[in-house]
Amino acid sequence: MSGWEAELPIVEVYTQPFCPYCAQAKRILSEKGVEFREIDAPHGTAERTEAIRRSGGQTTVPQIFVGGRHLGGCDDLMELDRAGKLDAWLRAA
């Protein structure tokens, strides 16, 4: 642990069972030592409707929020990580 994890805002990840992109996003966050709240949001649930509303209409999972701010989905998370910007994004949220 690098010491700043305890200061991170709440991370929420809307997922659904058997979703490889959800599993990958959770793995990336876990490898970084980021604690997150997983919200089960399969199609047709109130949680999925909430994820769509909060994300501005995104219908896929995962949908990731950091400190209430929408980060995006798995591709967005991976892109930020590849660019070396994920840690700063997490701290700034």
Protein backbone atom coordinates (compact mmCIF):
# COMPACT_ATOMS: atom_id res chain seq x y z
CA MET A 1 0.00 0.00 0.00
CA SER A 2 1.37 3.39 -0.92
CA GLY A 3 -0.41 5.29 1.84
CA TRP A 4 -2.94 7.24 -0.20
CA GLU A 5 -5.46 4.40 -0.56
CA ALA A 6 -7.06 5.27 2.81
CA GLU A 7 -7.76 8.77 1.49
CA LEU A 8 -9.53 7.62 -1.67
CA PRO A 9 -13.17 8.55 -2.18
CA ILE A 10 -15.79 5.82 -2.35
CA VAL A 11 -15.55 3.73 -5.51
CA GLU A 12 -18.74 2.08 -6.78
CA VAL A 13 -18.79 -0.51 -9.55
CA TYR A 14 -22.08 -1.59 -11.11
CA THR A 15 -21.70 -5.15 -12.39
CA GLN A 16 -23.61 -8.22 -13.48
CA PRO A 17 -22.79 -11.91 -13.07
CA PHE A 18 -20.57 -13.64 -15.64
CA CYS A 19 -19.40 -10.34 -17.17
CA PRO A 20 -15.73 -10.58 -18.22
CA TYR A 21 -15.39 -6.78 -18.41
CA CYS A 22 -16.71 -6.46 -14.86
CA ALA A 23 -14.21 -9.06 -13.68
CA GLN A 24 -11.37 -7.23 -15.43
CA ALA A 25 -12.32 -3.85 -13.96
CA LYS A 26 -12.55 -5.35 -10.46
CA ARG A 27 -9.15 -7.01 -10.94
CA ILE A 28 -7.51 -3.72 -11.97
CA LEU A 29 -8.96 -1.89 -8.98
CA SER A 30 -8.02 -4.71 -6.60
CA GLU A 31 -4.45 -4.85 -7.92
CA LYS A 32 -4.14 -1.14 -7.19
CA GLY A 33 -5.35 -1.73 -3.64
CA VAL A 34 -8.55 0.23 -4.24
CA GLU A 35 -11.50 -0.79 -2.09
CA PHE A 36 -14.79 -0.62 -3.94
CA ARG A 37 -18.46 -1.30 -3.43
CA GLU A 38 -19.76 -3.75 -6.00
CA ILE A 39 -23.40 -3.22 -6.93
CA ASP A 40 -25.08 -6.16 -8.65
CA ALA A 41 -27.00 -4.63 -11.57
CA PRO A 42 -28.28 -7.24 -14.03
CA HIS A 43 -30.66 -6.23 -16.83
CA GLY A 44 -34.12 -5.26 -15.66
CA THR A 45 -33.17 -4.37 -12.09
CA ALA A 46 -33.56 -1.09 -10.24
CA GLU A 47 -29.77 -1.07 -9.79
CA ARG A 48 -29.23 -1.22 -13.57
CA THR A 49 -31.70 1.63 -14.06
CA GLU A 50 -29.79 3.62 -11.44
CA ALA A 51 -26.47 2.90 -13.20
CA ILE A 52 -27.90 4.06 -16.53
CA ARG A 53 -29.27 7.25 -14.97
CA ARG A 54 -26.06 8.06 -13.09
CA SER A 55 -23.86 7.38 -16.12
CA GLY A 56 -25.81 9.65 -18.43
CA GLY A 57 -27.37 6.83 -20.43
CA GLN A 58 -24.61 4.21 -20.60
CA THR A 59 -26.33 0.82 -20.74
CA THR A 60 -23.33 -1.50 -20.41
CA VAL A 61 -21.58 -2.80 -17.32
CA PRO A 62 -19.38 -2.21 -15.56
CA GLN A 63 -20.10 1.42 -14.80
CA ILE A 64 -17.57 2.87 -12.39
CA PHE A 65 -18.03 5.89 -10.13
CA VAL A 66 -15.35 7.46 -7.96
CA GLY A 67 -16.53 9.88 -5.30
CA GLY A 68 -19.84 10.09 -7.15
CA ARG A 69 -18.07 11.10 -10.38
CA HIS A 70 -18.55 8.82 -13.41
CA LEU A 71 -15.26 7.30 -14.54
CA GLY A 72 -16.84 5.15 -17.25
CA GLY A 73 -16.62 1.47 -18.08
CA CYS A 74 -13.86 -1.09 -18.26
CA ASP A 75 -12.32 0.37 -21.44
CA ASP A 76 -12.15 3.81 -19.82
CA LEU A 77 -10.54 2.35 -16.69
CA MET A 78 -7.96 0.43 -18.75
CA GLU A 79 -7.16 3.48 -20.88
CA LEU A 80 -6.56 5.66 -17.82
CA ASP A 81 -4.37 2.94 -16.33
CA ARG A 82 -2.37 2.45 -19.57
CA ALA A 83 -1.83 6.21 -19.82
CA GLY A 84 -0.56 6.31 -16.22
CA LYS A 85 -3.43 8.61 -15.22
CA LEU A 86 -5.62 6.31 -13.14
CA ASP A 87 -3.91 6.93 -9.80
CA ALA A 88 -4.17 10.70 -10.24
CA TRP A 89 -7.79 10.39 -11.38
CA LEU A 90 -8.63 8.36 -8.29
CA ARG A 91 -6.98 10.90 -5.98
CA ALA A 92 -8.64 13.89 -7.69
CA ALA A 93 -12.18 12.55 -7.57
